[in-house]
Protein backbone atom coordinates (compact mmCIF):
# COMPACT_ATOMS: atom_id res chain seq x y z
CA MET A 1 1.34 -119.25 -63.73
CA PRO A 2 3.99 -117.99 -64.54
CA ILE A 3 7.41 -119.16 -64.16
CA GLY A 4 8.85 -117.11 -61.56
CA GLU A 5 6.93 -117.83 -59.04
CA ILE A 6 7.99 -121.15 -59.52
CA CYS A 7 11.32 -121.11 -60.58
CA ASN A 8 14.36 -122.01 -57.79
CA ARG A 9 15.60 -118.13 -57.05
CA GLU A 10 18.78 -119.43 -55.45
CA VAL A 11 21.32 -119.78 -57.95
CA VAL A 12 24.43 -121.07 -58.15
CA ILE A 13 26.95 -119.05 -60.52
CA ALA A 14 30.18 -118.64 -61.77
CA ARG A 15 32.26 -116.81 -64.50
CA ARG A 16 33.93 -116.92 -67.02
CA LYS A 17 37.36 -116.36 -65.49
CA ASP A 18 36.03 -119.19 -62.52
CA SER A 19 38.67 -122.44 -62.38
CA ILE A 20 36.16 -125.75 -63.47
CA ALA A 21 37.60 -127.14 -60.06
CA GLN A 22 35.65 -124.03 -58.51
CA ALA A 23 32.63 -124.70 -59.93
CA ALA A 24 33.54 -128.19 -59.31
CA LYS A 25 33.48 -127.31 -55.97
CA LEU A 26 30.42 -125.23 -56.06
CA MET A 27 28.16 -127.85 -57.21
CA ARG A 28 29.18 -129.80 -54.28
CA GLU A 29 28.54 -127.97 -51.78
CA TYR A 30 25.06 -126.96 -52.92
CA HIS A 31 24.41 -130.18 -54.16
CA VAL A 32 23.84 -129.11 -57.56
CA GLY A 33 24.24 -130.57 -60.93
CA ASP A 34 24.41 -126.65 -62.82
CA VAL A 35 26.19 -123.17 -62.22
CA VAL A 36 25.06 -120.35 -64.14
CA VAL A 37 28.01 -117.98 -65.65
CA VAL A 38 26.87 -114.51 -65.41
CA GLU A 39 28.83 -110.81 -66.11
CA GLU A 40 28.84 -108.56 -64.06
CA LYS A 41 27.01 -105.24 -65.81
CA GLU A 42 26.37 -102.38 -62.99
CA ASP A 43 24.04 -103.50 -60.30
CA ARG A 44 22.93 -106.90 -62.49
CA ALA A 45 23.77 -110.36 -63.63
CA ILE A 46 23.58 -111.59 -67.31
CA PRO A 47 23.46 -115.23 -67.07
CA VAL A 48 25.47 -115.69 -70.24
CA GLY A 49 26.40 -119.54 -69.60
CA ILE A 50 26.15 -122.51 -67.61
CA LEU A 51 27.79 -125.10 -66.64
CA THR A 52 26.55 -128.88 -66.23
CA ASP A 53 28.72 -131.29 -64.50
CA ARG A 54 28.10 -133.04 -67.34
CA ASP A 55 30.30 -130.84 -69.13
CA ILE A 56 32.55 -131.06 -66.78
CA VAL A 57 33.19 -135.47 -67.92
CA VAL A 58 32.04 -135.19 -70.96
CA LYS A 59 33.83 -132.51 -72.72
CA LEU A 60 36.68 -132.33 -69.71
CA ILE A 61 37.70 -136.38 -67.60
CA ALA A 62 36.05 -138.45 -70.58
CA ARG A 63 38.68 -136.60 -72.74
CA ASP A 64 42.08 -136.58 -69.84
CA VAL A 65 41.97 -133.35 -71.23
CA PRO A 66 43.52 -131.70 -67.20
CA LEU A 67 41.65 -130.39 -65.42
CA ASP A 68 43.54 -126.89 -64.27
CA SER A 69 44.03 -125.63 -67.67
CA VAL A 70 40.81 -124.91 -68.27
CA LEU A 71 38.27 -122.31 -67.16
CA VAL A 72 35.00 -123.00 -66.73
CA GLY A 73 34.44 -120.26 -69.51
CA ASP A 74 35.79 -122.81 -72.12
CA VAL A 75 33.60 -125.57 -71.49
CA MET A 76 30.33 -123.90 -70.17
CA SER A 77 27.94 -123.83 -73.03
CA SER A 78 27.42 -119.99 -74.07
CA ASP A 79 24.06 -120.29 -75.23
CA VAL A 80 21.70 -120.35 -72.98
CA ALA A 81 18.42 -120.55 -73.03
CA THR A 82 16.37 -117.94 -71.38
CA VAL A 83 12.67 -117.06 -70.20
CA PRO A 84 11.44 -114.03 -69.40
CA GLU A 85 9.71 -114.78 -65.74
CA TYR A 86 6.30 -113.76 -66.83
CA ARG A 87 6.19 -117.02 -69.69
CA GLY A 88 3.56 -119.08 -68.35
CA ILE A 89 5.05 -123.57 -67.32
CA TRP A 90 3.30 -124.12 -70.37
CA ASP A 91 4.85 -121.68 -73.39
CA THR A 92 8.31 -122.66 -71.14
CA ILE A 93 8.06 -126.28 -71.56
CA GLN A 94 7.09 -126.03 -75.42
CA TYR A 95 10.09 -123.65 -75.33
CA MET A 96 12.36 -126.65 -73.88
CA LEU A 97 11.10 -128.77 -75.43
CA GLY A 98 11.48 -127.68 -79.14
CA ARG A 99 15.54 -126.34 -77.86
CA GLY A 100 15.72 -130.29 -75.81
CA ILE A 101 17.16 -129.17 -72.85
CA ARG A 102 16.31 -130.36 -69.24
CA ARG A 103 16.90 -126.25 -67.75
CA ILE A 104 15.87 -122.91 -68.03
CA VAL A 105 17.30 -119.90 -66.58
CA VAL A 106 14.61 -117.22 -66.21
CA THR A 107 15.24 -113.88 -66.34
CA ASP A 108 13.11 -109.97 -65.51
CA ASP A 109 12.55 -107.77 -68.11
CA ARG A 110 16.01 -106.26 -68.11
CA SER A 111 18.17 -109.51 -68.62
CA ASN A 112 18.97 -109.92 -65.13
CA LEU A 113 18.97 -113.30 -63.34
CA VAL A 114 16.27 -114.15 -62.25
CA GLY A 115 16.27 -118.48 -61.29
CA ILE A 116 16.37 -121.60 -62.82
CA LEU A 117 13.86 -124.14 -63.65
CA SER A 118 14.87 -127.75 -64.53
CA THR A 119 12.60 -130.29 -65.54
CA ASP A 120 13.19 -132.16 -62.37
CA ASP A 121 11.03 -128.60 -60.56
CA LEU A 122 8.24 -128.74 -62.85
CA LEU A 123 7.45 -133.28 -62.85
CA GLU A 124 6.77 -132.33 -58.60
CA LEU A 125 4.62 -129.80 -59.59
CA LEU A 126 2.62 -131.04 -61.95
CA SER A 127 3.14 -134.49 -59.99
CA GLY A 128 1.53 -132.33 -56.91
CA GLU A 129 -1.50 -130.56 -59.58
CA LEU A 130 -2.36 -134.21 -60.96
CA SER A 131 -2.27 -135.63 -57.34
CA ASP A 132 -5.06 -133.19 -56.46
CA LEU A 133 -6.72 -133.79 -58.99
CA ALA A 134 -7.37 -137.47 -58.99
CA LYS A 135 -8.47 -136.60 -55.18
CA LEU A 136 -11.70 -134.96 -57.02
CA PHE A 137 -12.51 -138.26 -58.98
CA THR A 138 -11.91 -140.14 -54.94
CA ARG A 139 -14.06 -137.58 -53.35
CA GLU A 140 -17.10 -137.08 -56.16
CA GLN A 141 -17.41 -141.40 -55.92
CA SER A 142 -17.51 -141.02 -51.25
CA ARG A 143 -20.32 -138.36 -52.14
CA GLU A 144 -22.15 -140.83 -54.27
CA ARG A 145 -21.67 -143.80 -52.76
CA LYS A 146 -22.98 -141.51 -48.91
CA THR A 147 -25.57 -139.94 -51.20
CA GLY A 148 -26.73 -142.61 -53.00
CA GLY A 149 -26.54 -140.83 -56.34
């Protein structure tokens, strides 16, 4: 299954020149733990970074950095991990594991932002699949009891 079919396509975005307070308000408003930082080129939104709630806490608040003096571009991770929307789930999980990341940005063939995928999303999908698989055993056992075989 391509990752583009399961990623969250409702991505909260910010720009490098947005304030940290603006980004934090977006996270609160949309109940998300990150914003994807984009640069707009023609009709495209190209991911150039990601800012997480943890970035704000660890890099700024814990160091007593005055938030009004910092922009999203100053704190975001600019080494944003992306995968094309046609990549499979297993390959994407392996890529995330190799990079040690919990979120990955999904793009189209023109590097345009398509969505975002988190480990929580993957766990939800895979736990549902495993639950369905487990039901096969109980159905088979039930059928065997009824047929005596």
